[in-house]
Protein backbone atom coordinates (compact mmCIF):
# COMPACT_ATOMS: atom_id res chain seq x y z
CA UNK A 1 -0.88 7.40 -21.82
CA UNK A 2 2.91 6.99 -21.06
CA UNK A 3 4.69 4.46 -19.26
CA UNK A 4 5.70 6.78 -15.95
CA UNK A 5 1.79 7.13 -15.80
CA UNK A 6 1.41 3.66 -16.31
CA UNK A 7 3.49 3.16 -13.33
CA UNK A 8 1.79 5.23 -10.82
CA UNK A 9 -1.63 3.99 -11.77
CA UNK A 10 -0.82 0.45 -11.49
CA UNK A 11 1.63 1.75 -8.44
CA UNK A 12 -1.81 2.84 -6.67
CA UNK A 13 -3.95 -0.23 -7.44
CA UNK A 14 -1.35 -2.27 -6.15
CA UNK A 15 -0.64 -0.31 -2.78
CA UNK A 16 -4.46 0.16 -2.34
CA UNK A 17 -4.90 -3.62 -2.85
CA UNK A 18 -2.51 -4.58 -0.17
CA UNK A 19 -3.57 -1.81 2.26
CA UNK A 20 -7.32 -3.07 2.00
CA UNK A 21 -6.31 -6.91 2.27
CA UNK A 22 -3.98 -5.87 5.42
CA UNK A 23 -6.13 -3.38 7.53
CA UNK A 24 -8.75 -5.60 7.04
CA UNK A 25 -6.90 -8.75 8.59
CA UNK A 26 -4.70 -7.28 10.43
CA UNK A 27 -5.98 -5.05 14.18
CA UNK A 28 -3.55 -3.01 14.94
CA UNK A 29 -3.13 0.17 12.32
CA UNK A 30 0.81 0.73 12.21
CA UNK A 31 1.48 -2.71 11.78
CA UNK A 32 -0.15 -2.97 8.86
CA UNK A 33 0.35 0.23 7.24
CA UNK A 34 3.57 -1.25 7.70
CA UNK A 35 3.44 -4.60 6.04
CA UNK A 36 1.04 -2.88 3.51
CA UNK A 37 3.99 -0.69 2.05
CA UNK A 38 6.37 -3.28 1.89
CA UNK A 39 4.33 -5.72 0.56
CA UNK A 40 3.07 -3.43 -1.72
CA UNK A 41 6.48 -1.95 -2.62
CA UNK A 42 7.64 -5.64 -3.51
CA UNK A 43 4.75 -6.33 -5.30
CA UNK A 44 5.32 -3.42 -7.73
CA UNK A 45 9.32 -4.11 -8.25
CA UNK A 46 7.62 -7.64 -9.61
CA UNK A 47 5.19 -6.34 -11.77
CA UNK A 48 8.27 -4.23 -13.25
CA UNK A 49 10.03 -7.04 -13.64
CA UNK A 50 7.26 -8.85 -15.11
CA UNK A 51 6.24 -5.99 -17.65
CA UNK A 52 10.69 -5.26 -18.52
CA UNK A 53 11.99 -8.59 -18.54
CA UNK A 54 14.74 -6.95 -15.86
CA UNK A 55 15.02 -4.86 -12.94
CA UNK A 56 14.67 -0.86 -13.33
CA UNK A 57 18.34 0.58 -13.37
CA UNK A 58 16.80 2.85 -10.72
CA UNK A 59 15.36 -0.01 -8.49
CA UNK A 60 16.57 1.14 -5.26
CA UNK A 61 15.07 4.90 -5.95
CA UNK A 62 11.55 3.31 -6.74
CA UNK A 63 11.77 1.01 -3.85
CA UNK A 64 12.20 4.07 -1.46
CA UNK A 65 9.68 6.60 -2.79
CA UNK A 66 7.37 3.54 -4.09
CA UNK A 67 7.64 2.68 -0.47
CA UNK A 68 6.82 6.23 0.87
CA UNK A 69 3.70 6.80 -1.41
CA UNK A 70 2.46 3.29 -0.67
CA UNK A 71 2.72 3.59 3.15
CA UNK A 72 0.24 6.72 2.45
CA UNK A 73 -1.87 5.65 0.55
CA UNK A 74 -1.71 2.80 3.03
CA UNK A 75 -2.70 5.56 6.22
CA UNK A 76 -5.85 7.09 3.80
CA UNK A 77 -7.20 3.55 3.28
CA UNK A 78 -6.97 2.85 6.93
CA UNK A 79 -8.56 5.60 7.99
CA UNK A 80 -12.15 4.45 7.55
CA UNK A 81 -10.94 1.13 9.24
CA UNK A 82 -9.87 3.08 12.12
CA UNK A 83 -13.22 5.07 12.38
CA UNK A 84 -14.80 1.79 12.34
CA UNK A 85 -13.24 0.31 15.46
CA UNK A 86 -13.79 3.21 17.71
CA UNK A 87 -17.88 3.69 16.82
CA UNK A 88 -17.60 -0.03 17.67
CA UNK A 89 -15.60 0.55 20.80
CA UNK A 90 -17.71 3.64 21.85
CA UNK A 91 -20.83 1.43 21.32
CA UNK A 92 -19.59 -1.35 23.71
CA UNK A 93 -18.17 1.37 26.82
CA UNK A 94 -21.71 3.47 26.24
């Protein structure tokens, strides 16, 4: 397994964990996706720094693309939470 694949796996794990936590504790969907994306890109850069001992020379590019990928992962992770809220609201109405 090369470093690129390891980085993608670490990003997916960090983004999924941050997404689950923010969607669980925050009731606003888009706010929780934004917070999750920002937090996971920051934590990913911290993980890269701890692994390499310095910031990556393409850290700015990694922040942008990591943020986009983290936001997309957060959208996917948030779908079950939205569906649960819709079911709960529909039970209260009927």
